[in-house]
Amino acid sequence: MRNFYVKFFLAFIFTSSFATHAIAETPKTYVKIEKPADGTFVINSTEASLSELTATGNLDPKVEWSKNAKQALTKAANEYITEKKYKFIALDISDTDDSDALQIVKLNDAVTDSIQLNSFPMAKLPTKTDFDWTIGEGAQKLVPDDLKSENGQKYALFITTKGSYSSGGRKALLVTAMLVGGSIPMGGQDVRASLVDLKDGKVVWYKYDVVSFGTDIRTEEGAKAEIEKLFKELPF
């Protein structure tokens, strides 16, 4: 039953950008770490799930939109990380049959759900007074075999985006509503990212962001703008 309420509450959070800003606090979402050495390996998993918000209020999943956003965000993250002199390694979960990797990604999703939920006063865990989260030492299984003998530091960078874009009919409906002094909810997107130290599975940084109006993360330009905004406080 508790899982039901958690999922319901998170669904509300991720589909209501305004509610997020109005209710959420700005908690500490990192632990202090030393700046990683040049050449550190950053293993990235990016996932996207986008839909079209129709005039009737239904959400129509768009595979192509999700694919475009995933590719654009991965490319932007790659450019950002490599410019910092770190080694970026993309991990495409949709193309892997590695059950361990799949389970680690799912576990990270569950942990970051908890981190986000804990940022809301009415859902805050009373025992979580510090930013202390982990996905366990099993996270080491994300390291490719050919990198396991490398001595450099290794991190996993998880990026997830969900949301919707309004259809032409939905936008027209908004114009009509505004003419009579009303309004209707429009589409919006959320992006969250977490950085995990693969030595022990500890989450060292987490960020949740509402994509700015006019930024289209399905495009390379929009994805780059979002990544630069999202990674502003990344400890690299």
C-alpha atoms as a PDB file:
ATOM      1  CA  MET A   1       0.000   0.000   0.000  1.00  0.00           C
ATOM      2  CA  ARG A   2       2.858   2.377   0.864  1.00  0.00           C
ATOM      3  CA  ASN A   3       4.354   1.801  -2.604  1.00  0.00           C
ATOM      4  CA  PHE A   4       1.046   2.842  -4.133  1.00  0.00           C
ATOM      5  CA  TYR A   5       1.073   6.168  -2.304  1.00  0.00           C
ATOM      6  CA  VAL A   6       4.742   6.750  -3.149  1.00  0.00           C
ATOM      7  CA  LYS A   7       4.093   6.189  -6.858  1.00  0.00           C
ATOM      8  CA  PHE A   8       0.953   8.342  -6.755  1.00  0.00           C
ATOM      9  CA  PHE A   9       2.770  11.203  -5.046  1.00  0.00           C
ATOM     10  CA  LEU A  10       5.731  11.031  -7.421  1.00  0.00           C
ATOM     11  CA  ALA A  11       3.403  10.998 -10.422  1.00  0.00           C
ATOM     12  CA  PHE A  12       1.905  14.202  -9.081  1.00  0.00           C
ATOM     13  CA  ILE A  13       5.367  15.707  -8.574  1.00  0.00           C
ATOM     14  CA  PHE A  14       6.694  14.876 -12.043  1.00  0.00           C
ATOM     15  CA  THR A  15       3.582  16.110 -13.860  1.00  0.00           C
ATOM     16  CA  SER A  16       3.262  19.383 -11.974  1.00  0.00           C
ATOM     17  CA  SER A  17       6.218  21.715 -12.375  1.00  0.00           C
ATOM     18  CA  PHE A  18       4.487  24.526 -10.565  1.00  0.00           C
ATOM     19  CA  ALA A  19       3.615  22.317  -7.616  1.00  0.00           C
ATOM     20  CA  THR A  20       7.221  21.209  -7.384  1.00  0.00           C
ATOM     21  CA  HIS A  21       8.501  24.759  -7.068  1.00  0.00           C
ATOM     22  CA  ALA A  22       5.738  25.739  -4.665  1.00  0.00           C
ATOM     23  CA  ILE A  23       6.042  22.801  -2.247  1.00  0.00           C
ATOM     24  CA  ALA A  24       9.593  21.495  -2.426  1.00  0.00           C
ATOM     25  CA  GLU A  25      12.347  22.778  -0.223  1.00  0.00           C
ATOM     26  CA  THR A  26      15.885  23.170  -1.483  1.00  0.00           C
ATOM     27  CA  PRO A  27      17.595  20.402   0.472  1.00  0.00           C
ATOM     28  CA  LYS A  28      21.280  19.561   0.377  1.00  0.00           C
ATOM     29  CA  THR A  29      21.566  17.003  -2.430  1.00  0.00           C
ATOM     30  CA  TYR A  30      25.254  16.180  -2.443  1.00  0.00           C
ATOM     31  CA  VAL A  31      28.155  15.060  -0.300  1.00  0.00           C
ATOM     32  CA  LYS A  32      31.442  16.911  -0.410  1.00  0.00           C
ATOM     33  CA  ILE A  33      33.999  15.120  -2.576  1.00  0.00           C
ATOM     34  CA  GLU A  34      37.407  16.013  -3.866  1.00  0.00           C
ATOM     35  CA  LYS A  35      37.498  17.033  -7.503  1.00  0.00           C
ATOM     36  CA  PRO A  36      38.139  13.813  -9.471  1.00  0.00           C
ATOM     37  CA  ALA A  37      41.475  13.523 -11.242  1.00  0.00           C
ATOM     38  CA  ASP A  38      41.713  14.066 -14.993  1.00  0.00           C
ATOM     39  CA  GLY A  39      40.966  10.845 -16.835  1.00  0.00           C
ATOM     40  CA  THR A  40      38.286   9.699 -14.383  1.00  0.00           C
ATOM     41  CA  PHE A  41      35.801   7.328 -16.025  1.00  0.00           C
ATOM     42  CA  VAL A  42      32.159   8.472 -16.138  1.00  0.00           C
ATOM     43  CA  ILE A  43      29.732   5.722 -17.148  1.00  0.00           C
ATOM     44  CA  ASN A  44      26.480   7.277 -18.311  1.00  0.00           C
ATOM     45  CA  SER A  45      22.961   5.896 -18.513  1.00  0.00           C
ATOM     46  CA  THR A  46      20.385   8.260 -20.021  1.00  0.00           C
ATOM     47  CA  GLU A  47      16.699   7.400 -20.285  1.00  0.00           C
ATOM     48  CA  ALA A  48      13.798   9.451 -21.698  1.00  0.00           C
ATOM     49  CA  SER A  49      10.034   9.004 -21.697  1.00  0.00           C
ATOM     50  CA  LEU A  50       8.069  11.712 -23.519  1.00  0.00           C
ATOM     51  CA  SER A  51       4.431  11.956 -24.537  1.00  0.00           C
ATOM     52  CA  GLU A  52       2.105  14.283 -26.411  1.00  0.00           C
ATOM     53  CA  LEU A  53      -0.567  16.010 -24.328  1.00  0.00           C
ATOM     54  CA  THR A  54      -3.641  16.026 -26.540  1.00  0.00           C
ATOM     55  CA  ALA A  55      -6.538  18.487 -26.629  1.00  0.00           C
ATOM     56  CA  THR A  56      -8.619  16.039 -24.579  1.00  0.00           C
ATOM     57  CA  GLY A  57      -5.937  15.801 -21.885  1.00  0.00           C
ATOM     58  CA  ASN A  58      -4.710  12.330 -22.790  1.00  0.00           C
ATOM     59  CA  LEU A  59      -1.007  11.434 -22.891  1.00  0.00           C
ATOM     60  CA  ASP A  60       0.094   9.759 -26.127  1.00  0.00           C
ATOM     61  CA  PRO A  61       3.567   8.179 -25.711  1.00  0.00           C
ATOM     62  CA  LYS A  62       5.992   9.240 -28.450  1.00  0.00           C
ATOM     63  CA  VAL A  63       8.822   6.777 -29.043  1.00  0.00           C
ATOM     64  CA  GLU A  64      10.605   9.020 -31.558  1.00  0.00           C
ATOM     65  CA  TRP A  65      10.527  12.014 -29.227  1.00  0.00           C
ATOM     66  CA  SER A  66      11.936   9.904 -26.398  1.00  0.00           C
ATOM     67  CA  LYS A  67      14.676   8.551 -28.664  1.00  0.00           C
ATOM     68  CA  ASN A  68      15.623  12.029 -29.876  1.00  0.00           C
ATOM     69  CA  ALA A  69      15.776  13.429 -26.332  1.00  0.00           C
ATOM     70  CA  LYS A  70      17.857  10.487 -25.126  1.00  0.00           C
ATOM     71  CA  GLN A  71      20.372  10.872 -27.952  1.00  0.00           C
ATOM     72  CA  ALA A  72      20.563  14.655 -27.617  1.00  0.00           C
ATOM     73  CA  LEU A  73      21.009  14.577 -23.830  1.00  0.00           C
ATOM     74  CA  THR A  74      23.629  11.826 -24.063  1.00  0.00           C
ATOM     75  CA  LYS A  75      25.576  13.815 -26.671  1.00  0.00           C
ATOM     76  CA  ALA A  76      25.386  16.999 -24.598  1.00  0.00           C
ATOM     77  CA  ALA A  77      26.494  15.154 -21.441  1.00  0.00           C
ATOM     78  CA  ASN A  78      29.375  13.575 -23.375  1.00  0.00           C
ATOM     79  CA  GLU A  79      30.587  16.961 -24.601  1.00  0.00           C
ATOM     80  CA  TYR A  80      30.299  18.492 -21.136  1.00  0.00           C
ATOM     81  CA  ILE A  81      32.172  15.658 -19.405  1.00  0.00           C
ATOM     82  CA  THR A  82      34.945  15.298 -21.992  1.00  0.00           C
ATOM     83  CA  GLU A  83      35.562  19.048 -21.930  1.00  0.00           C
ATOM     84  CA  LYS A  84      36.359  18.585 -18.244  1.00  0.00           C
ATOM     85  CA  LYS A  85      39.021  16.012 -19.257  1.00  0.00           C
ATOM     86  CA  TYR A  86      37.087  13.005 -18.004  1.00  0.00           C
ATOM     87  CA  LYS A  87      36.389   9.843 -20.021  1.00  0.00           C
ATOM     88  CA  PHE A  88      32.727   9.471 -20.961  1.00  0.00           C
ATOM     89  CA  ILE A  89      31.325   5.971 -21.553  1.00  0.00           C
ATOM     90  CA  ALA A  90      27.708   5.673 -22.723  1.00  0.00           C
ATOM     91  CA  LEU A  91      25.704   2.718 -21.414  1.00  0.00           C
ATOM     92  CA  ASP A  92      22.545   2.074 -23.448  1.00  0.00           C
ATOM     93  CA  ILE A  93      20.280   0.040 -21.174  1.00  0.00           C
ATOM     94  CA  SER A  94      17.695  -0.439 -23.945  1.00  0.00           C
ATOM     95  CA  ASP A  95      20.279  -2.364 -25.986  1.00  0.00           C
ATOM     96  CA  THR A  96      21.778  -4.503 -23.238  1.00  0.00           C
ATOM     97  CA  ASP A  97      20.850  -7.947 -21.995  1.00  0.00           C
ATOM     98  CA  ASP A  98      22.984  -7.513 -18.882  1.00  0.00           C
ATOM     99  CA  SER A  99      20.503  -8.248 -16.107  1.00  0.00           C
ATOM    100  CA  ASP A 100      22.848  -6.843 -13.447  1.00  0.00           C
ATOM    101  CA  ALA A 101      23.094  -3.491 -15.237  1.00  0.00           C
ATOM    102  CA  LEU A 102      19.323  -3.363 -15.673  1.00  0.00           C
ATOM    103  CA  GLN A 103      18.736  -4.034 -11.988  1.00  0.00           C
ATOM    104  CA  ILE A 104      21.262  -1.369 -10.957  1.00  0.00           C
ATOM    105  CA  VAL A 105      19.511   1.227 -13.132  1.00  0.00           C
ATOM    106  CA  LYS A 106      16.132   0.262 -11.645  1.00  0.00           C
ATOM    107  CA  LEU A 107      17.585   0.471  -8.148  1.00  0.00           C
ATOM    108  CA  ASN A 108      18.981   3.927  -8.896  1.00  0.00           C
ATOM    109  CA  ASP A 109      15.509   4.985 -10.097  1.00  0.00           C
ATOM    110  CA  ALA A 110      14.019   3.812  -6.796  1.00  0.00           C
ATOM    111  CA  VAL A 111      16.686   5.594  -4.736  1.00  0.00           C
ATOM    112  CA  THR A 112      16.341   8.871  -6.635  1.00  0.00           C
ATOM    113  CA  ASP A 113      12.552   8.592  -6.257  1.00  0.00           C
ATOM    114  CA  SER A 114      13.177   8.496  -2.512  1.00  0.00           C
ATOM    115  CA  ILE A 115      15.605  11.421  -2.662  1.00  0.00           C
ATOM    116  CA  GLN A 116      13.067  13.525  -4.552  1.00  0.00           C
ATOM    117  CA  LEU A 117      10.222  12.496  -2.260  1.00  0.00           C
ATOM    118  CA  ASN A 118      12.356  13.383   0.753  1.00  0.00           C
ATOM    119  CA  SER A 119      12.629  16.969  -0.511  1.00  0.00           C
ATOM    120  CA  PHE A 120       8.951  17.539   0.287  1.00  0.00           C
ATOM    121  CA  PRO A 121       8.175  18.539   3.892  1.00  0.00           C
ATOM    122  CA  MET A 122       5.079  16.330   4.172  1.00  0.00           C
ATOM    123  CA  ALA A 123       7.007  13.263   2.952  1.00  0.00           C
ATOM    124  CA  LYS A 124      10.418  13.858   4.505  1.00  0.00           C
ATOM    125  CA  LEU A 125      11.933  10.881   6.325  1.00  0.00           C
ATOM    126  CA  PRO A 126      12.624  11.937   9.938  1.00  0.00           C
ATOM    127  CA  THR A 127      15.795   9.806  10.093  1.00  0.00           C
ATOM    128  CA  LYS A 128      17.322  11.402   6.972  1.00  0.00           C
ATOM    129  CA  THR A 129      19.060  14.423   8.442  1.00  0.00           C
ATOM    130  CA  ASP A 130      22.016  14.213   6.056  1.00  0.00           C
ATOM    131  CA  PHE A 131      22.385  13.416   2.377  1.00  0.00           C
ATOM    132  CA  ASP A 132      23.162   9.748   2.863  1.00  0.00           C
ATOM    133  CA  TRP A 133      22.005   7.524   0.005  1.00  0.00           C
ATOM    134  CA  THR A 134      23.490   4.497  -1.724  1.00  0.00           C
ATOM    135  CA  ILE A 135      22.665   1.934  -4.401  1.00  0.00           C
ATOM    136  CA  GLY A 136      25.104  -0.551  -2.856  1.00  0.00           C
ATOM    137  CA  GLU A 137      28.469  -1.992  -3.798  1.00  0.00           C
ATOM    138  CA  GLY A 138      26.781  -4.002  -6.553  1.00  0.00           C
ATOM    139  CA  ALA A 139      27.049  -0.798  -8.588  1.00  0.00           C
ATOM    140  CA  GLN A 140      30.590  -1.915  -9.418  1.00  0.00           C
ATOM    141  CA  LYS A 141      29.026  -4.302 -11.931  1.00  0.00           C
ATOM    142  CA  LEU A 142      28.380  -1.324 -14.201  1.00  0.00           C
ATOM    143  CA  VAL A 143      32.104  -1.072 -14.870  1.00  0.00           C
ATOM    144  CA  PRO A 144      32.914  -2.757 -18.218  1.00  0.00           C
ATOM    145  CA  ASP A 145      35.334  -5.691 -18.008  1.00  0.00           C
ATOM    146  CA  ASP A 146      38.016  -3.845 -19.971  1.00  0.00           C
ATOM    147  CA  LEU A 147      38.001  -1.032 -17.407  1.00  0.00           C
ATOM    148  CA  LYS A 148      38.089  -3.085 -14.231  1.00  0.00           C
ATOM    149  CA  SER A 149      41.881  -3.188 -14.236  1.00  0.00           C
ATOM    150  CA  GLU A 150      42.131   0.593 -14.686  1.00  0.00           C
ATOM    151  CA  ASN A 151      43.213   2.436 -11.554  1.00  0.00           C
ATOM    152  CA  GLY A 152      41.357   5.682 -12.246  1.00  0.00           C
ATOM    153  CA  GLN A 153      38.271   6.791 -10.342  1.00  0.00           C
ATOM    154  CA  LYS A 154      34.965   5.582 -11.731  1.00  0.00           C
ATOM    155  CA  TYR A 155      31.529   7.161 -11.454  1.00  0.00           C
ATOM    156  CA  ALA A 156      28.093   6.414 -12.855  1.00  0.00           C
ATOM    157  CA  LEU A 157      26.057   9.361 -14.126  1.00  0.00           C
ATOM    158  CA  PHE A 158      22.339   8.618 -14.398  1.00  0.00           C
ATOM    159  CA  ILE A 159      20.080  11.026 -16.318  1.00  0.00           C
ATOM    160  CA  THR A 160      16.317  10.550 -16.597  1.00  0.00           C
ATOM    161  CA  THR A 161      13.727  12.765 -18.250  1.00  0.00           C
ATOM    162  CA  LYS A 162       9.952  12.448 -18.263  1.00  0.00           C
ATOM    163  CA  GLY A 163       7.164  14.691 -19.416  1.00  0.00           C
ATOM    164  CA  SER A 164       5.064  15.850 -22.327  1.00  0.00           C
ATOM    165  CA  TYR A 165       4.719  18.420 -25.078  1.00  0.00           C
ATOM    166  CA  SER A 166       1.346  19.923 -25.934  1.00  0.00           C
ATOM    167  CA  SER A 167      -0.264  19.113 -29.257  1.00  0.00           C
ATOM    168  CA  GLY A 168      -1.394  21.823 -31.656  1.00  0.00           C
ATOM    169  CA  GLY A 169      -4.980  21.176 -30.581  1.00  0.00           C
ATOM    170  CA  ARG A 170      -4.029  21.606 -26.932  1.00  0.00           C
ATOM    171  CA  LYS A 171      -2.338  24.932 -27.665  1.00  0.00           C
ATOM    172  CA  ALA A 172      -5.383  26.123 -29.618  1.00  0.00           C
ATOM    173  CA  LEU A 173      -7.581  25.132 -26.706  1.00  0.00           C
ATOM    174  CA  LEU A 174      -5.414  27.219 -24.380  1.00  0.00           C
ATOM    175  CA  VAL A 175      -5.840  30.282 -26.603  1.00  0.00           C
ATOM    176  CA  THR A 176      -9.604  29.775 -26.555  1.00  0.00           C
ATOM    177  CA  ALA A 177      -9.613  29.375 -22.778  1.00  0.00           C
ATOM    178  CA  MET A 178      -7.559  32.539 -22.314  1.00  0.00           C
ATOM    179  CA  LEU A 179     -10.024  34.540 -24.408  1.00  0.00           C
ATOM    180  CA  VAL A 180     -12.708  33.815 -21.816  1.00  0.00           C
ATOM    181  CA  GLY A 181     -10.387  34.352 -18.873  1.00  0.00           C
ATOM    182  CA  GLY A 182      -9.582  30.716 -18.221  1.00  0.00           C
ATOM    183  CA  SER A 183      -6.600  28.424 -18.538  1.00  0.00           C
ATOM    184  CA  ILE A 184      -5.716  24.759 -18.926  1.00  0.00           C
ATOM    185  CA  PRO A 185      -2.590  22.781 -17.923  1.00  0.00           C
ATOM    186  CA  MET A 186       0.040  22.471 -20.628  1.00  0.00           C
ATOM    187  CA  GLY A 187       2.858  20.013 -21.164  1.00  0.00           C
ATOM    188  CA  GLY A 188       6.156  20.164 -19.305  1.00  0.00           C
ATOM    189  CA  GLN A 189       9.312  18.131 -18.790  1.00  0.00           C
ATOM    190  CA  ASP A 190      11.420  17.246 -15.760  1.00  0.00           C
ATOM    191  CA  VAL A 191      15.023  16.045 -15.768  1.00  0.00           C
ATOM    192  CA  ARG A 192      16.869  14.498 -12.867  1.00  0.00           C
ATOM    193  CA  ALA A 193      20.439  13.318 -12.566  1.00  0.00           C
ATOM    194  CA  SER A 194      22.490  11.460  -9.982  1.00  0.00           C
ATOM    195  CA  LEU A 195      26.203  10.795  -9.663  1.00  0.00           C
ATOM    196  CA  VAL A 196      27.274   7.543  -8.012  1.00  0.00           C
ATOM    197  CA  ASP A 197      30.758   6.624  -6.814  1.00  0.00           C
ATOM    198  CA  LEU A 198      31.220   3.120  -8.227  1.00  0.00           C
ATOM    199  CA  LYS A 199      33.774   2.271  -5.565  1.00  0.00           C
ATOM    200  CA  ASP A 200      31.050   1.882  -2.939  1.00  0.00           C
ATOM    201  CA  GLY A 201      27.759   2.742  -4.673  1.00  0.00           C
ATOM    202  CA  LYS A 202      27.274   5.968  -2.727  1.00  0.00           C
ATOM    203  CA  VAL A 203      25.161   8.694  -4.334  1.00  0.00           C
ATOM    204  CA  VAL A 204      27.353  11.786  -4.086  1.00  0.00           C
ATOM    205  CA  TRP A 205      25.198  14.255  -6.027  1.00  0.00           C
ATOM    206  CA  TYR A 206      21.564  14.577  -7.145  1.00  0.00           C
ATOM    207  CA  LYS A 207      19.770  17.257  -9.130  1.00  0.00           C
ATOM    208  CA  TYR A 208      16.151  17.724 -10.158  1.00  0.00           C
ATOM    209  CA  ASP A 209      15.243  20.366 -12.718  1.00  0.00           C
ATOM    210  CA  VAL A 210      12.172  21.585 -14.547  1.00  0.00           C
ATOM    211  CA  VAL A 211      13.033  22.239 -18.188  1.00  0.00           C
ATOM    212  CA  SER A 212      12.684  25.932 -18.990  1.00  0.00           C
ATOM    213  CA  PHE A 213       9.832  27.057 -21.225  1.00  0.00           C
ATOM    214  CA  GLY A 214      11.065  27.247 -24.808  1.00  0.00           C
ATOM    215  CA  THR A 215      13.866  24.700 -24.284  1.00  0.00           C
ATOM    216  CA  ASP A 216      13.301  21.652 -26.475  1.00  0.00           C
ATOM    217  CA  ILE A 217      15.389  18.760 -25.139  1.00  0.00           C
ATOM    218  CA  ARG A 218      14.551  16.738 -28.247  1.00  0.00           C
ATOM    219  CA  THR A 219      17.047  18.911 -30.132  1.00  0.00           C
ATOM    220  CA  GLU A 220      20.817  19.146 -29.710  1.00  0.00           C
ATOM    221  CA  GLU A 221      20.618  22.866 -28.937  1.00  0.00           C
ATOM    222  CA  GLY A 222      17.907  22.415 -26.313  1.00  0.00           C
ATOM    223  CA  ALA A 223      19.594  19.392 -24.739  1.00  0.00           C
ATOM    224  CA  LYS A 224      22.897  21.276 -24.469  1.00  0.00           C
ATOM    225  CA  ALA A 225      21.177  24.196 -22.736  1.00  0.00           C
ATOM    226  CA  GLU A 226      19.478  21.832 -20.289  1.00  0.00           C
ATOM    227  CA  ILE A 227      22.654  19.871 -19.507  1.00  0.00           C
ATOM    228  CA  GLU A 228      24.590  23.073 -18.826  1.00  0.00           C
ATOM    229  CA  LYS A 229      21.826  24.174 -16.469  1.00  0.00           C
ATOM    230  CA  LEU A 230      21.520  20.747 -14.845  1.00  0.00           C
ATOM    231  CA  PHE A 231      25.259  20.283 -14.349  1.00  0.00           C
ATOM    232  CA  LYS A 232      25.900  23.770 -12.983  1.00  0.00           C
ATOM    233  CA  GLU A 233      26.606  22.304  -9.528  1.00  0.00           C
ATOM    234  CA  LEU A 234      28.040  18.970 -10.662  1.00  0.00           C
ATOM    235  CA  PRO A 235      31.168  18.404  -8.505  1.00  0.00           C
ATOM    236  CA  PHE A 236      33.477  17.953 -11.496  1.00  0.00           C
END
